[in-house]
């Protein structure tokens, strides 16, 4: 189970150390690689996250798999997570580390969902509008959800801009229900 406070503390400490050493990008890539390995290999994940697996075995496996692929700082962090029995926090730590990096670099994360695939021009136009609105670079993730029927839904920072047909229908439904209840 992820405890976001604990993950934030570990992520902040790792972030500060990586920033001090000038290896933010490398550590970010390392964390992505480690979490990808956990996601892509259920046996690896079960072995490493199992409370029955001895800490020495976990450390030995991580060193065998990652020692020549990740920075010494990342390897030290992984060892510490195992020692403190916080290895299950790796996913939350990776997310928090990436968020801290985006904040430092002035990057806004946006999720753009459409009913159909958007062409590169449409994607660019939406990203450019968000960048102009926020004054920051935009890291966009594009999703497809046929339930939207048409239009797009854009989520960034604390904003949700719903220009989808489904969103409009839902708002019309809410208004009609409100009006009916108001008349009753």
C-alpha atoms as a PDB file:
ATOM      1  CA  UNK A   1       0.000   0.000   0.000  1.00  0.00           C
ATOM      2  CA  UNK A   2       1.306   3.422  -0.929  1.00  0.00           C
ATOM      3  CA  UNK A   3       1.653   6.036   1.798  1.00  0.00           C
ATOM      4  CA  UNK A   4       1.973   9.279  -0.129  1.00  0.00           C
ATOM      5  CA  UNK A   5       3.581  11.164   2.763  1.00  0.00           C
ATOM      6  CA  UNK A   6       6.370   8.610   3.005  1.00  0.00           C
ATOM      7  CA  UNK A   7       6.794   8.509  -0.772  1.00  0.00           C
ATOM      8  CA  UNK A   8       6.955  12.305  -0.904  1.00  0.00           C
ATOM      9  CA  UNK A   9       9.676  12.384   1.734  1.00  0.00           C
ATOM     10  CA  UNK A  10      11.802   9.816  -0.058  1.00  0.00           C
ATOM     11  CA  UNK A  11      11.189  11.484  -3.426  1.00  0.00           C
ATOM     12  CA  UNK A  12      12.121  14.922  -2.056  1.00  0.00           C
ATOM     13  CA  UNK A  13      15.312  13.597  -0.483  1.00  0.00           C
ATOM     14  CA  UNK A  14      16.291  11.774  -3.678  1.00  0.00           C
ATOM     15  CA  UNK A  15      15.386  14.833  -5.745  1.00  0.00           C
ATOM     16  CA  UNK A  16      17.526  17.151  -3.619  1.00  0.00           C
ATOM     17  CA  UNK A  17      20.490  14.766  -3.786  1.00  0.00           C
ATOM     18  CA  UNK A  18      20.122  14.355  -7.568  1.00  0.00           C
ATOM     19  CA  UNK A  19      19.816  18.121  -8.004  1.00  0.00           C
ATOM     20  CA  UNK A  20      22.908  18.679  -5.869  1.00  0.00           C
ATOM     21  CA  UNK A  21      24.842  16.148  -7.974  1.00  0.00           C
ATOM     22  CA  UNK A  22      23.457  17.512 -11.269  1.00  0.00           C
ATOM     23  CA  UNK A  23      21.915  14.192 -12.294  1.00  0.00           C
ATOM     24  CA  UNK A  24      18.168  14.895 -12.152  1.00  0.00           C
ATOM     25  CA  UNK A  25      17.528  13.581 -15.645  1.00  0.00           C
ATOM     26  CA  UNK A  26      19.541  10.403 -15.059  1.00  0.00           C
ATOM     27  CA  UNK A  27      17.805   9.603 -11.778  1.00  0.00           C
ATOM     28  CA  UNK A  28      14.409  10.284 -13.354  1.00  0.00           C
ATOM     29  CA  UNK A  29      15.271   7.855 -16.172  1.00  0.00           C
ATOM     30  CA  UNK A  30      16.515   5.328 -13.604  1.00  0.00           C
ATOM     31  CA  UNK A  31      13.263   5.455 -11.670  1.00  0.00           C
ATOM     32  CA  UNK A  32      11.283   5.024 -14.881  1.00  0.00           C
ATOM     33  CA  UNK A  33      13.392   1.972 -15.782  1.00  0.00           C
ATOM     34  CA  UNK A  34      13.004   0.417 -12.332  1.00  0.00           C
ATOM     35  CA  UNK A  35       9.233   0.908 -12.219  1.00  0.00           C
ATOM     36  CA  UNK A  36       8.944  -0.396 -15.800  1.00  0.00           C
ATOM     37  CA  UNK A  37      10.823  -3.544 -14.755  1.00  0.00           C
ATOM     38  CA  UNK A  38       8.385  -3.997 -11.870  1.00  0.00           C
ATOM     39  CA  UNK A  39       5.384  -3.516 -14.146  1.00  0.00           C
ATOM     40  CA  UNK A  40       6.649  -5.697 -16.993  1.00  0.00           C
ATOM     41  CA  UNK A  41       7.701  -8.706 -14.936  1.00  0.00           C
ATOM     42  CA  UNK A  42       5.176  -9.951 -12.432  1.00  0.00           C
ATOM     43  CA  UNK A  43       7.655 -12.502 -11.037  1.00  0.00           C
ATOM     44  CA  UNK A  44      10.228  -9.770 -10.445  1.00  0.00           C
ATOM     45  CA  UNK A  45       7.633  -7.579  -8.761  1.00  0.00           C
ATOM     46  CA  UNK A  46       6.255 -10.384  -6.574  1.00  0.00           C
ATOM     47  CA  UNK A  47       9.754 -11.439  -5.496  1.00  0.00           C
ATOM     48  CA  UNK A  48      10.906  -7.920  -4.632  1.00  0.00           C
ATOM     49  CA  UNK A  49       7.730  -6.737  -2.956  1.00  0.00           C
ATOM     50  CA  UNK A  50       7.118  -9.908  -0.977  1.00  0.00           C
ATOM     51  CA  UNK A  51       7.612  -9.518   2.787  1.00  0.00           C
ATOM     52  CA  UNK A  52       8.765 -13.163   2.872  1.00  0.00           C
ATOM     53  CA  UNK A  53      11.744 -12.439   0.615  1.00  0.00           C
ATOM     54  CA  UNK A  54      14.899 -11.757   2.601  1.00  0.00           C
ATOM     55  CA  UNK A  55      16.266  -8.195   2.310  1.00  0.00           C
ATOM     56  CA  UNK A  56      19.692  -9.516   1.328  1.00  0.00           C
ATOM     57  CA  UNK A  57      18.142 -11.478  -1.559  1.00  0.00           C
ATOM     58  CA  UNK A  58      16.207  -8.410  -2.698  1.00  0.00           C
ATOM     59  CA  UNK A  59      19.322  -6.244  -2.598  1.00  0.00           C
ATOM     60  CA  UNK A  60      21.366  -8.875  -4.415  1.00  0.00           C
ATOM     61  CA  UNK A  61      18.773  -9.173  -7.198  1.00  0.00           C
ATOM     62  CA  UNK A  62      18.453  -5.398  -7.597  1.00  0.00           C
ATOM     63  CA  UNK A  63      22.226  -5.021  -7.790  1.00  0.00           C
ATOM     64  CA  UNK A  64      22.462  -7.838 -10.323  1.00  0.00           C
ATOM     65  CA  UNK A  65      19.765  -6.303 -12.523  1.00  0.00           C
ATOM     66  CA  UNK A  66      20.405  -2.569 -12.108  1.00  0.00           C
ATOM     67  CA  UNK A  67      23.945  -1.937 -10.801  1.00  0.00           C
ATOM     68  CA  UNK A  68      25.393  -1.217 -14.249  1.00  0.00           C
ATOM     69  CA  UNK A  69      22.214   0.476 -15.541  1.00  0.00           C
ATOM     70  CA  UNK A  70      21.414   3.105 -12.919  1.00  0.00           C
ATOM     71  CA  UNK A  71      23.358   5.810 -11.103  1.00  0.00           C
ATOM     72  CA  UNK A  72      25.028   5.095  -7.774  1.00  0.00           C
ATOM     73  CA  UNK A  73      22.548   7.490  -6.147  1.00  0.00           C
ATOM     74  CA  UNK A  74      19.557   5.537  -7.470  1.00  0.00           C
ATOM     75  CA  UNK A  75      21.132   2.255  -6.379  1.00  0.00           C
ATOM     76  CA  UNK A  76      21.696   3.679  -2.883  1.00  0.00           C
ATOM     77  CA  UNK A  77      18.080   4.820  -2.751  1.00  0.00           C
ATOM     78  CA  UNK A  78      16.862   1.355  -3.770  1.00  0.00           C
ATOM     79  CA  UNK A  79      19.019  -0.263  -1.082  1.00  0.00           C
ATOM     80  CA  UNK A  80      17.642   2.176   1.504  1.00  0.00           C
ATOM     81  CA  UNK A  81      14.053   1.423   0.473  1.00  0.00           C
ATOM     82  CA  UNK A  82      14.692  -2.281   0.984  1.00  0.00           C
ATOM     83  CA  UNK A  83      16.465  -1.734   4.306  1.00  0.00           C
ATOM     84  CA  UNK A  84      13.597   0.431   5.607  1.00  0.00           C
ATOM     85  CA  UNK A  85      10.992  -1.957   4.130  1.00  0.00           C
ATOM     86  CA  UNK A  86       9.581   0.768   1.920  1.00  0.00           C
ATOM     87  CA  UNK A  87      10.240  -0.955  -1.409  1.00  0.00           C
ATOM     88  CA  UNK A  88       6.519  -0.974  -2.260  1.00  0.00           C
ATOM     89  CA  UNK A  89       6.676   2.841  -2.367  1.00  0.00           C
ATOM     90  CA  UNK A  90       8.823   2.855  -5.521  1.00  0.00           C
ATOM     91  CA  UNK A  91       5.878   3.671  -7.828  1.00  0.00           C
ATOM     92  CA  UNK A  92       4.700   6.617  -5.726  1.00  0.00           C
ATOM     93  CA  UNK A  93       8.289   7.823  -5.337  1.00  0.00           C
ATOM     94  CA  UNK A  94       8.803   7.748  -9.108  1.00  0.00           C
ATOM     95  CA  UNK A  95       5.608   9.753  -9.684  1.00  0.00           C
ATOM     96  CA  UNK A  96       6.491  12.320  -7.031  1.00  0.00           C
ATOM     97  CA  UNK A  97      10.082  12.642  -8.298  1.00  0.00           C
ATOM     98  CA  UNK A  98       8.799  13.263 -11.837  1.00  0.00           C
ATOM     99  CA  UNK A  99       6.383  15.897 -10.510  1.00  0.00           C
ATOM    100  CA  UNK A 100       9.157  17.678  -8.595  1.00  0.00           C
ATOM    101  CA  UNK A 101      11.290  17.674 -11.741  1.00  0.00           C
ATOM    102  CA  UNK A 102       8.428  19.110 -13.819  1.00  0.00           C
ATOM    103  CA  UNK A 103       7.918  21.881 -11.247  1.00  0.00           C
ATOM    104  CA  UNK A 104      11.612  22.758 -11.261  1.00  0.00           C
ATOM    105  CA  UNK A 105      11.727  22.829 -15.055  1.00  0.00           C
ATOM    106  CA  UNK A 106       8.470  24.785 -15.357  1.00  0.00           C
ATOM    107  CA  UNK A 107       6.601  22.015 -17.129  1.00  0.00           C
ATOM    108  CA  UNK A 108       2.847  21.522 -16.931  1.00  0.00           C
ATOM    109  CA  UNK A 109       1.467  18.025 -17.336  1.00  0.00           C
ATOM    110  CA  UNK A 110      -1.707  17.812 -19.396  1.00  0.00           C
ATOM    111  CA  UNK A 111      -4.025  14.959 -20.286  1.00  0.00           C
ATOM    112  CA  UNK A 112      -5.984  15.500 -23.479  1.00  0.00           C
ATOM    113  CA  UNK A 113      -8.771  13.027 -24.154  1.00  0.00           C
ATOM    114  CA  UNK A 114     -10.705  12.893 -27.412  1.00  0.00           C
ATOM    115  CA  UNK A 115     -13.282  10.600 -28.974  1.00  0.00           C
ATOM    116  CA  UNK A 116     -10.996   9.927 -31.943  1.00  0.00           C
ATOM    117  CA  UNK A 117      -7.290  10.168 -32.654  1.00  0.00           C
ATOM    118  CA  UNK A 118      -6.157  13.770 -33.074  1.00  0.00           C
ATOM    119  CA  UNK A 119      -3.744  14.559 -35.891  1.00  0.00           C
ATOM    120  CA  UNK A 120      -0.385  16.185 -35.132  1.00  0.00           C
ATOM    121  CA  UNK A 121      -1.697  19.649 -36.046  1.00  0.00           C
ATOM    122  CA  UNK A 122      -4.625  19.370 -33.643  1.00  0.00           C
ATOM    123  CA  UNK A 123      -2.378  18.037 -30.890  1.00  0.00           C
ATOM    124  CA  UNK A 124       0.072  20.884 -31.453  1.00  0.00           C
ATOM    125  CA  UNK A 125      -2.683  23.501 -31.389  1.00  0.00           C
ATOM    126  CA  UNK A 126      -4.029  22.247 -28.053  1.00  0.00           C
ATOM    127  CA  UNK A 127      -0.561  22.021 -26.492  1.00  0.00           C
ATOM    128  CA  UNK A 128       0.282  25.536 -27.755  1.00  0.00           C
ATOM    129  CA  UNK A 129      -2.926  26.947 -26.199  1.00  0.00           C
ATOM    130  CA  UNK A 130      -2.131  25.353 -22.836  1.00  0.00           C
ATOM    131  CA  UNK A 131       1.455  26.637 -23.013  1.00  0.00           C
ATOM    132  CA  UNK A 132       0.204  30.156 -23.804  1.00  0.00           C
ATOM    133  CA  UNK A 133      -2.307  30.011 -20.942  1.00  0.00           C
ATOM    134  CA  UNK A 134       0.173  28.699 -18.349  1.00  0.00           C
ATOM    135  CA  UNK A 135       3.346  30.341 -19.603  1.00  0.00           C
ATOM    136  CA  UNK A 136       5.128  26.997 -19.204  1.00  0.00           C
ATOM    137  CA  UNK A 137       6.195  24.105 -21.383  1.00  0.00           C
ATOM    138  CA  UNK A 138       3.608  21.343 -21.646  1.00  0.00           C
ATOM    139  CA  UNK A 139       4.121  17.606 -21.301  1.00  0.00           C
ATOM    140  CA  UNK A 140       1.011  16.178 -22.937  1.00  0.00           C
ATOM    141  CA  UNK A 141      -0.526  12.741 -22.808  1.00  0.00           C
ATOM    142  CA  UNK A 142      -3.170  11.995 -25.425  1.00  0.00           C
ATOM    143  CA  UNK A 143      -5.909   9.455 -24.727  1.00  0.00           C
ATOM    144  CA  UNK A 144      -8.880   8.212 -26.719  1.00  0.00           C
ATOM    145  CA  UNK A 145     -12.284   7.668 -25.119  1.00  0.00           C
ATOM    146  CA  UNK A 146     -15.123   6.948 -27.575  1.00  0.00           C
ATOM    147  CA  UNK A 147     -17.638   7.712 -24.780  1.00  0.00           C
ATOM    148  CA  UNK A 148     -16.898  11.414 -25.290  1.00  0.00           C
ATOM    149  CA  UNK A 149     -18.755  11.139 -28.636  1.00  0.00           C
ATOM    150  CA  UNK A 150     -16.911  14.197 -29.997  1.00  0.00           C
ATOM    151  CA  UNK A 151     -14.783  17.134 -28.891  1.00  0.00           C
ATOM    152  CA  UNK A 152     -12.002  17.031 -26.301  1.00  0.00           C
ATOM    153  CA  UNK A 153     -11.477  17.096 -22.548  1.00  0.00           C
ATOM    154  CA  UNK A 154      -8.294  18.794 -21.321  1.00  0.00           C
ATOM    155  CA  UNK A 155      -6.974  18.375 -17.785  1.00  0.00           C
ATOM    156  CA  UNK A 156      -3.951  20.355 -16.571  1.00  0.00           C
ATOM    157  CA  UNK A 157      -2.874  21.759 -13.216  1.00  0.00           C
ATOM    158  CA  UNK A 158      -6.161  22.126 -11.308  1.00  0.00           C
ATOM    159  CA  UNK A 159      -8.257  22.787 -14.417  1.00  0.00           C
ATOM    160  CA  UNK A 160     -10.670  20.590 -16.335  1.00  0.00           C
ATOM    161  CA  UNK A 161     -11.851  21.992 -19.649  1.00  0.00           C
ATOM    162  CA  UNK A 162     -14.588  19.747 -20.998  1.00  0.00           C
ATOM    163  CA  UNK A 163     -15.524  20.551 -24.573  1.00  0.00           C
ATOM    164  CA  UNK A 164     -16.777  17.050 -25.318  1.00  0.00           C
ATOM    165  CA  UNK A 165     -20.252  16.218 -26.569  1.00  0.00           C
ATOM    166  CA  UNK A 166     -20.641  13.848 -23.606  1.00  0.00           C
ATOM    167  CA  UNK A 167     -19.770  16.695 -21.222  1.00  0.00           C
ATOM    168  CA  UNK A 168     -22.306  18.987 -22.871  1.00  0.00           C
ATOM    169  CA  UNK A 169     -25.005  16.302 -22.670  1.00  0.00           C
ATOM    170  CA  UNK A 170     -24.215  15.702 -18.994  1.00  0.00           C
ATOM    171  CA  UNK A 171     -24.429  19.434 -18.240  1.00  0.00           C
ATOM    172  CA  UNK A 172     -27.749  19.687 -20.106  1.00  0.00           C
ATOM    173  CA  UNK A 173     -29.079  16.721 -18.117  1.00  0.00           C
ATOM    174  CA  UNK A 174     -28.018  18.327 -14.822  1.00  0.00           C
ATOM    175  CA  UNK A 175     -29.653  21.623 -15.801  1.00  0.00           C
ATOM    176  CA  UNK A 176     -32.905  19.912 -16.802  1.00  0.00           C
ATOM    177  CA  UNK A 177     -32.995  17.950 -13.539  1.00  0.00           C
ATOM    178  CA  UNK A 178     -32.293  21.120 -11.564  1.00  0.00           C
ATOM    179  CA  UNK A 179     -35.055  22.997 -13.390  1.00  0.00           C
ATOM    180  CA  UNK A 180     -37.516  20.124 -12.846  1.00  0.00           C
ATOM    181  CA  UNK A 181     -36.716  19.920  -9.141  1.00  0.00           C
ATOM    182  CA  UNK A 182     -36.948  23.690  -8.812  1.00  0.00           C
ATOM    183  CA  UNK A 183     -40.454  23.655 -10.304  1.00  0.00           C
ATOM    184  CA  UNK A 184     -41.658  20.837  -8.063  1.00  0.00           C
END
